[in-house]
Amino acid sequence: MRKVVLPELGQGIDKAGVSFWFFKEGDQVKEKDDLVELTTDKAAFNLPSPCSGTITQIFFHEGDQVNVGEMLCVIEE
């Protein structure tokens, strides 16, 4: 089980908004697949999967704000 967290974003940015999930719970992902599009006041970016496996749980949904270090989803390897 791999916990996917919002990483440090730098430049004093401590949160990001979830714009779009490329997968849903139960979907298979491969390492480096784009998981989720996130936005800050300054930029939009995609967060890649750290491993291959199945997304078993998504904690934040489109429109939600996520703080750095919070868990976005769980991937069962």
PDB file of N, CA and C in Angstrom:
ATOM      1  N   MET A   1       0.853  -1.187   0.000  1.00  0.00           N
ATOM      2  CA  MET A   1       0.000   0.000   0.000  1.00  0.00           C
ATOM      3  C   MET A   1       0.893   1.242   0.000  1.00  0.00           C
ATOM      4  N   ARG A   2       0.638   2.129  -0.926  1.00  0.00           N
ATOM      5  CA  ARG A   2       1.412   3.362  -1.018  1.00  0.00           C
ATOM      6  C   ARG A   2       0.468   4.541  -0.808  1.00  0.00           C
ATOM      7  N   LYS A   3       0.810   5.388   0.152  1.00  0.00           N
ATOM      8  CA  LYS A   3       0.037   6.600   0.409  1.00  0.00           C
ATOM      9  C   LYS A   3       0.608   7.706  -0.478  1.00  0.00           C
ATOM     10  N   VAL A   4      -0.258   8.350  -1.248  1.00  0.00           N
ATOM     11  CA  VAL A   4       0.163   9.445  -2.119  1.00  0.00           C
ATOM     12  C   VAL A   4      -0.208  10.750  -1.428  1.00  0.00           C
ATOM     13  N   VAL A   5       0.810  11.565  -1.104  1.00  0.00           N
ATOM     14  CA  VAL A   5       0.576  12.823  -0.394  1.00  0.00           C
ATOM     15  C   VAL A   5       0.951  14.006  -1.284  1.00  0.00           C
ATOM     16  N   LEU A   6       0.375  15.148  -0.964  1.00  0.00           N
ATOM     17  CA  LEU A   6       0.746  16.369  -1.672  1.00  0.00           C
ATOM     18  C   LEU A   6       2.146  16.765  -1.232  1.00  0.00           C
ATOM     19  N   PRO A   7       3.101  16.800  -2.175  1.00  0.00           N
ATOM     20  CA  PRO A   7       4.479  17.116  -1.794  1.00  0.00           C
ATOM     21  C   PRO A   7       4.682  18.603  -1.523  1.00  0.00           C
ATOM     22  N   GLU A   8       5.856  18.927  -0.978  1.00  0.00           N
ATOM     23  CA  GLU A   8       6.240  20.332  -0.815  1.00  0.00           C
ATOM     24  C   GLU A   8       6.184  21.016  -2.170  1.00  0.00           C
ATOM     25  N   LEU A   9       5.623  22.215  -2.210  1.00  0.00           N
ATOM     26  CA  LEU A   9       5.454  22.925  -3.471  1.00  0.00           C
ATOM     27  C   LEU A   9       6.424  24.081  -3.626  1.00  0.00           C
ATOM     28  N   GLY A  10       7.095  24.467  -2.542  1.00  0.00           N
ATOM     29  CA  GLY A  10       8.068  25.552  -2.606  1.00  0.00           C
ATOM     30  C   GLY A  10       7.415  26.916  -2.658  1.00  0.00           C
ATOM     31  N   GLN A  11       8.236  27.938  -2.641  1.00  0.00           N
ATOM     32  CA  GLN A  11       7.824  29.341  -2.771  1.00  0.00           C
ATOM     33  C   GLN A  11       6.723  29.737  -1.793  1.00  0.00           C
ATOM     34  N   GLY A  12       6.710  29.121  -0.602  1.00  0.00           N
ATOM     35  CA  GLY A  12       5.731  29.479   0.409  1.00  0.00           C
ATOM     36  C   GLY A  12       4.318  29.001   0.119  1.00  0.00           C
ATOM     37  N   ILE A  13       4.154  28.114  -0.854  1.00  0.00           N
ATOM     38  CA  ILE A  13       2.828  27.592  -1.190  1.00  0.00           C
ATOM     39  C   ILE A  13       2.552  26.397  -0.287  1.00  0.00           C
ATOM     40  N   ASP A  14       1.417  26.445   0.442  1.00  0.00           N
ATOM     41  CA  ASP A  14       1.134  25.382   1.395  1.00  0.00           C
ATOM     42  C   ASP A  14      -0.117  24.577   1.079  1.00  0.00           C
ATOM     43  N   LYS A  15      -0.785  24.891  -0.049  1.00  0.00           N
ATOM     44  CA  LYS A  15      -1.968  24.118  -0.434  1.00  0.00           C
ATOM     45  C   LYS A  15      -2.182  24.202  -1.944  1.00  0.00           C
ATOM     46  N   ALA A  16      -2.994  23.275  -2.442  1.00  0.00           N
ATOM     47  CA  ALA A  16      -3.342  23.242  -3.865  1.00  0.00           C
ATOM     48  C   ALA A  16      -4.781  22.769  -3.993  1.00  0.00           C
ATOM     49  N   GLY A  17      -5.401  23.141  -5.094  1.00  0.00           N
ATOM     50  CA  GLY A  17      -6.762  22.698  -5.368  1.00  0.00           C
ATOM     51  C   GLY A  17      -6.755  21.507  -6.315  1.00  0.00           C
ATOM     52  N   VAL A  18      -7.674  20.574  -6.083  1.00  0.00           N
ATOM     53  CA  VAL A  18      -7.821  19.431  -6.980  1.00  0.00           C
ATOM     54  C   VAL A  18      -8.677  19.876  -8.165  1.00  0.00           C
ATOM     55  N   SER A  19      -8.103  19.805  -9.373  1.00  0.00           N
ATOM     56  CA  SER A  19      -8.838  20.201 -10.577  1.00  0.00           C
ATOM     57  C   SER A  19      -9.510  19.012 -11.245  1.00  0.00           C
ATOM     58  N   PHE A  20      -8.762  17.899 -11.347  1.00  0.00           N
ATOM     59  CA  PHE A  20      -9.263  16.785 -12.144  1.00  0.00           C
ATOM     60  C   PHE A  20      -8.503  15.512 -11.796  1.00  0.00           C
ATOM     61  N   TRP A  21      -9.213  14.423 -11.562  1.00  0.00           N
ATOM     62  CA  TRP A  21      -8.590  13.102 -11.396  1.00  0.00           C
ATOM     63  C   TRP A  21      -8.604  12.402 -12.743  1.00  0.00           C
ATOM     64  N   PHE A  22      -7.471  11.851 -13.124  1.00  0.00           N
ATOM     65  CA  PHE A  22      -7.370  11.113 -14.383  1.00  0.00           C
ATOM     66  C   PHE A  22      -7.881   9.677 -14.229  1.00  0.00           C
ATOM     67  N   PHE A  23      -7.994   9.200 -12.990  1.00  0.00           N
ATOM     68  CA  PHE A  23      -8.466   7.847 -12.692  1.00  0.00           C
ATOM     69  C   PHE A  23      -9.484   7.924 -11.566  1.00  0.00           C
ATOM     70  N   LYS A  24     -10.208   6.833 -11.355  1.00  0.00           N
ATOM     71  CA  LYS A  24     -11.156   6.760 -10.244  1.00  0.00           C
ATOM     72  C   LYS A  24     -10.804   5.556  -9.371  1.00  0.00           C
ATOM     73  N   GLU A  25     -11.435   5.441  -8.210  1.00  0.00           N
ATOM     74  CA  GLU A  25     -11.184   4.313  -7.330  1.00  0.00           C
ATOM     75  C   GLU A  25     -11.447   3.018  -8.076  1.00  0.00           C
ATOM     76  N   GLY A  26     -10.539   2.058  -7.904  1.00  0.00           N
ATOM     77  CA  GLY A  26     -10.663   0.772  -8.576  1.00  0.00           C
ATOM     78  C   GLY A  26      -9.879   0.684  -9.873  1.00  0.00           C
ATOM     79  N   ASP A  27      -9.422   1.818 -10.390  1.00  0.00           N
ATOM     80  CA  ASP A  27      -8.652   1.825 -11.641  1.00  0.00           C
ATOM     81  C   ASP A  27      -7.213   1.388 -11.405  1.00  0.00           C
ATOM     82  N   GLN A  28      -6.653   0.739 -12.421  1.00  0.00           N
ATOM     83  CA  GLN A  28      -5.239   0.371 -12.427  1.00  0.00           C
ATOM     84  C   GLN A  28      -4.428   1.554 -12.942  1.00  0.00           C
ATOM     85  N   VAL A  29      -3.300   1.831 -12.302  1.00  0.00           N
ATOM     86  CA  VAL A  29      -2.384   2.876 -12.763  1.00  0.00           C
ATOM     87  C   VAL A  29      -0.988   2.291 -12.895  1.00  0.00           C
ATOM     88  N   LYS A  30      -0.197   2.924 -13.718  1.00  0.00           N
ATOM     89  CA  LYS A  30       1.201   2.542 -13.861  1.00  0.00           C
ATOM     90  C   LYS A  30       2.061   3.644 -13.271  1.00  0.00           C
ATOM     91  N   GLU A  31       3.251   3.265 -12.818  1.00  0.00           N
ATOM     92  CA  GLU A  31       4.174   4.257 -12.281  1.00  0.00           C
ATOM     93  C   GLU A  31       4.378   5.364 -13.299  1.00  0.00           C
ATOM     94  N   LYS A  32       4.333   6.595 -12.835  1.00  0.00           N
ATOM     95  CA  LYS A  32       4.527   7.816 -13.611  1.00  0.00           C
ATOM     96  C   LYS A  32       3.303   8.242 -14.431  1.00  0.00           C
ATOM     97  N   ASP A  33       2.194   7.472 -14.389  1.00  0.00           N
ATOM     98  CA  ASP A  33       0.945   7.961 -14.985  1.00  0.00           C
ATOM     99  C   ASP A  33       0.520   9.220 -14.231  1.00  0.00           C
ATOM    100  N   ASP A  34      -0.054  10.189 -14.930  1.00  0.00           N
ATOM    101  CA  ASP A  34      -0.610  11.356 -14.244  1.00  0.00           C
ATOM    102  C   ASP A  34      -1.838  10.911 -13.449  1.00  0.00           C
ATOM    103  N   LEU A  35      -1.835  11.176 -12.147  1.00  0.00           N
ATOM    104  CA  LEU A  35      -2.950  10.806 -11.275  1.00  0.00           C
ATOM    105  C   LEU A  35      -3.993  11.908 -11.193  1.00  0.00           C
ATOM    106  N   VAL A  36      -3.509  13.122 -10.912  1.00  0.00           N
ATOM    107  CA  VAL A  36      -4.412  14.218 -10.589  1.00  0.00           C
ATOM    108  C   VAL A  36      -3.802  15.538 -11.050  1.00  0.00           C
ATOM    109  N   GLU A  37      -4.671  16.428 -11.521  1.00  0.00           N
ATOM    110  CA  GLU A  37      -4.237  17.792 -11.854  1.00  0.00           C
ATOM    111  C   GLU A  37      -4.538  18.670 -10.647  1.00  0.00           C
ATOM    112  N   LEU A  38      -3.533  19.422 -10.232  1.00  0.00           N
ATOM    113  CA  LEU A  38      -3.649  20.304  -9.080  1.00  0.00           C
ATOM    114  C   LEU A  38      -3.354  21.739  -9.513  1.00  0.00           C
ATOM    115  N   THR A  39      -3.944  22.706  -8.824  1.00  0.00           N
ATOM    116  CA  THR A  39      -3.690  24.103  -9.137  1.00  0.00           C
ATOM    117  C   THR A  39      -3.339  24.866  -7.866  1.00  0.00           C
ATOM    118  N   THR A  40      -2.457  25.843  -8.043  1.00  0.00           N
ATOM    119  CA  THR A  40      -2.142  26.793  -6.975  1.00  0.00           C
ATOM    120  C   THR A  40      -2.456  28.176  -7.524  1.00  0.00           C
ATOM    121  N   ASP A  41      -2.162  29.203  -6.737  1.00  0.00           N
ATOM    122  CA  ASP A  41      -2.370  30.567  -7.218  1.00  0.00           C
ATOM    123  C   ASP A  41      -1.488  30.875  -8.420  1.00  0.00           C
ATOM    124  N   LYS A  42      -0.376  30.131  -8.548  1.00  0.00           N
ATOM    125  CA  LYS A  42       0.616  30.461  -9.567  1.00  0.00           C
ATOM    126  C   LYS A  42       0.660  29.514 -10.749  1.00  0.00           C
ATOM    127  N   ALA A  43       0.194  28.269 -10.588  1.00  0.00           N
ATOM    128  CA  ALA A  43       0.376  27.298 -11.668  1.00  0.00           C
ATOM    129  C   ALA A  43      -0.575  26.115 -11.538  1.00  0.00           C
ATOM    130  N   ALA A  44      -0.706  25.376 -12.636  1.00  0.00           N
ATOM    131  CA  ALA A  44      -1.395  24.084 -12.646  1.00  0.00           C
ATOM    132  C   ALA A  44      -0.344  23.029 -12.968  1.00  0.00           C
ATOM    133  N   PHE A  45      -0.465  21.869 -12.339  1.00  0.00           N
ATOM    134  CA  PHE A  45       0.506  20.806 -12.583  1.00  0.00           C
ATOM    135  C   PHE A  45      -0.146  19.458 -12.335  1.00  0.00           C
ATOM    136  N   ASN A  46       0.445  18.406 -12.933  1.00  0.00           N
ATOM    137  CA  ASN A  46      -0.032  17.045 -12.747  1.00  0.00           C
ATOM    138  C   ASN A  46       0.882  16.323 -11.774  1.00  0.00           C
ATOM    139  N   LEU A  47       0.287  15.551 -10.882  1.00  0.00           N
ATOM    140  CA  LEU A  47       1.057  14.750  -9.937  1.00  0.00           C
ATOM    141  C   LEU A  47       1.098  13.316 -10.461  1.00  0.00           C
ATOM    142  N   PRO A  48       2.303  12.775 -10.717  1.00  0.00           N
ATOM    143  CA  PRO A  48       2.401  11.417 -11.246  1.00  0.00           C
ATOM    144  C   PRO A  48       2.296  10.353 -10.149  1.00  0.00           C
ATOM    145  N   SER A  49       1.919   9.155 -10.566  1.00  0.00           N
ATOM    146  CA  SER A  49       1.837   8.031  -9.644  1.00  0.00           C
ATOM    147  C   SER A  49       3.243   7.590  -9.234  1.00  0.00           C
ATOM    148  N   PRO A  50       3.466   7.352  -7.935  1.00  0.00           N
ATOM    149  CA  PRO A  50       4.787   6.904  -7.472  1.00  0.00           C
ATOM    150  C   PRO A  50       5.024   5.413  -7.713  1.00  0.00           C
ATOM    151  N   CYS A  51       3.965   4.667  -8.104  1.00  0.00           N
ATOM    152  CA  CYS A  51       4.091   3.223  -8.283  1.00  0.00           C
ATOM    153  C   CYS A  51       2.965   2.722  -9.180  1.00  0.00           C
ATOM    154  N   SER A  52       3.051   1.465  -9.550  1.00  0.00           N
ATOM    155  CA  SER A  52       1.971   0.809 -10.291  1.00  0.00           C
ATOM    156  C   SER A  52       1.063   0.091  -9.306  1.00  0.00           C
ATOM    157  N   GLY A  53      -0.230   0.030  -9.611  1.00  0.00           N
ATOM    158  CA  GLY A  53      -1.169  -0.670  -8.741  1.00  0.00           C
ATOM    159  C   GLY A  53      -2.594  -0.215  -8.982  1.00  0.00           C
ATOM    160  N   THR A  54      -3.437  -0.436  -7.981  1.00  0.00           N
ATOM    161  CA  THR A  54      -4.856  -0.100  -8.048  1.00  0.00           C
ATOM    162  C   THR A  54      -5.158   1.017  -7.052  1.00  0.00           C
ATOM    163  N   ILE A  55      -5.850   2.048  -7.508  1.00  0.00           N
ATOM    164  CA  ILE A  55      -6.279   3.116  -6.593  1.00  0.00           C
ATOM    165  C   ILE A  55      -7.414   2.561  -5.740  1.00  0.00           C
ATOM    166  N   THR A  56      -7.178   2.465  -4.437  1.00  0.00           N
ATOM    167  CA  THR A  56      -8.195   1.897  -3.556  1.00  0.00           C
ATOM    168  C   THR A  56      -9.017   2.954  -2.829  1.00  0.00           C
ATOM    169  N   GLN A  57      -8.458   4.153  -2.675  1.00  0.00           N
ATOM    170  CA  GLN A  57      -9.186   5.201  -1.960  1.00  0.00           C
ATOM    171  C   GLN A  57      -8.705   6.566  -2.413  1.00  0.00           C
ATOM    172  N   ILE A  58      -9.662   7.459  -2.679  1.00  0.00           N
ATOM    173  CA  ILE A  58      -9.368   8.861  -3.004  1.00  0.00           C
ATOM    174  C   ILE A  58      -9.986   9.706  -1.896  1.00  0.00           C
ATOM    175  N   PHE A  59      -9.180  10.590  -1.308  1.00  0.00           N
ATOM    176  CA  PHE A  59      -9.625  11.356  -0.145  1.00  0.00           C
ATOM    177  C   PHE A  59     -10.118  12.762  -0.476  1.00  0.00           C
ATOM    178  N   PHE A  60      -9.639  13.338  -1.578  1.00  0.00           N
ATOM    179  CA  PHE A  60     -10.057  14.686  -1.966  1.00  0.00           C
ATOM    180  C   PHE A  60     -10.599  14.633  -3.387  1.00  0.00           C
ATOM    181  N   HIS A  61     -11.601  15.435  -3.649  1.00  0.00           N
ATOM    182  CA  HIS A  61     -12.261  15.399  -4.945  1.00  0.00           C
ATOM    183  C   HIS A  61     -12.169  16.755  -5.629  1.00  0.00           C
ATOM    184  N   GLU A  62     -12.601  16.804  -6.874  1.00  0.00           N
ATOM    185  CA  GLU A  62     -12.504  18.023  -7.669  1.00  0.00           C
ATOM    186  C   GLU A  62     -13.146  19.185  -6.925  1.00  0.00           C
ATOM    187  N   GLY A  63     -12.386  20.283  -6.825  1.00  0.00           N
ATOM    188  CA  GLY A  63     -12.853  21.467  -6.119  1.00  0.00           C
ATOM    189  C   GLY A  63     -12.342  21.560  -4.689  1.00  0.00           C
ATOM    190  N   ASP A  64     -11.824  20.459  -4.136  1.00  0.00           N
ATOM    191  CA  ASP A  64     -11.306  20.463  -2.766  1.00  0.00           C
ATOM    192  C   ASP A  64      -9.923  21.114  -2.706  1.00  0.00           C
ATOM    193  N   GLN A  65      -9.605  21.685  -1.545  1.00  0.00           N
ATOM    194  CA  GLN A  65      -8.275  22.223  -1.263  1.00  0.00           C
ATOM    195  C   GLN A  65      -7.516  21.209  -0.416  1.00  0.00           C
ATOM    196  N   VAL A  66      -6.233  20.986  -0.766  1.00  0.00           N
ATOM    197  CA  VAL A  66      -5.398  20.013  -0.079  1.00  0.00           C
ATOM    198  C   VAL A  66      -4.169  20.725   0.464  1.00  0.00           C
ATOM    199  N   ASN A  67      -3.839  20.476   1.725  1.00  0.00           N
ATOM    200  CA  ASN A  67      -2.633  21.047   2.319  1.00  0.00           C
ATOM    201  C   ASN A  67      -1.438  20.141   2.039  1.00  0.00           C
ATOM    202  N   VAL A  68      -0.262  20.746   1.948  1.00  0.00           N
ATOM    203  CA  VAL A  68       0.974  19.984   1.770  1.00  0.00           C
ATOM    204  C   VAL A  68       1.059  18.922   2.868  1.00  0.00           C
ATOM    205  N   GLY A  69       1.386  17.696   2.479  1.00  0.00           N
ATOM    206  CA  GLY A  69       1.520  16.598   3.425  1.00  0.00           C
ATOM    207  C   GLY A  69       0.254  15.783   3.626  1.00  0.00           C
ATOM    208  N   GLU A  70      -0.891  16.283   3.146  1.00  0.00           N
ATOM    209  CA  GLU A  70      -2.135  15.517   3.292  1.00  0.00           C
ATOM    210  C   GLU A  70      -2.196  14.418   2.236  1.00  0.00           C
ATOM    211  N   MET A  71      -2.855  13.311   2.594  1.00  0.00           N
ATOM    212  CA  MET A  71      -2.965  12.161   1.716  1.00  0.00           C
ATOM    213  C   MET A  71      -4.039  12.384   0.651  1.00  0.00           C
ATOM    214  N   LEU A  72      -3.635  12.265  -0.616  1.00  0.00           N
ATOM    215  CA  LEU A  72      -4.570  12.416  -1.724  1.00  0.00           C
ATOM    216  C   LEU A  72      -5.296  11.106  -2.032  1.00  0.00           C
ATOM    217  N   CYS A  73      -4.519  10.009  -2.043  1.00  0.00           N
ATOM    218  CA  CYS A  73      -5.111   8.714  -2.352  1.00  0.00           C
ATOM    219  C   CYS A  73      -4.209   7.597  -1.858  1.00  0.00           C
ATOM    220  N   VAL A  74      -4.725   6.364  -1.954  1.00  0.00           N
ATOM    221  CA  VAL A  74      -3.955   5.175  -1.608  1.00  0.00           C
ATOM    222  C   VAL A  74      -3.908   4.270  -2.845  1.00  0.00           C
ATOM    223  N   ILE A  75      -2.709   3.751  -3.140  1.00  0.00           N
ATOM    224  CA  ILE A  75      -2.533   2.813  -4.248  1.00  0.00           C
ATOM    225  C   ILE A  75      -2.056   1.488  -3.671  1.00  0.00           C
ATOM    226  N   GLU A  76      -2.790   0.431  -3.971  1.00  0.00           N
ATOM    227  CA  GLU A  76      -2.391  -0.913  -3.555  1.00  0.00           C
ATOM    228  C   GLU A  76      -1.481  -1.481  -4.631  1.00  0.00           C
ATOM    229  N   GLU A  77      -0.221  -1.726  -4.262  1.00  0.00           N
ATOM    230  CA  GLU A  77       0.758  -2.197  -5.245  1.00  0.00           C
ATOM    231  C   GLU A  77       0.571  -3.662  -5.568  1.00  0.00           C
TER     232      GLU A  77
END
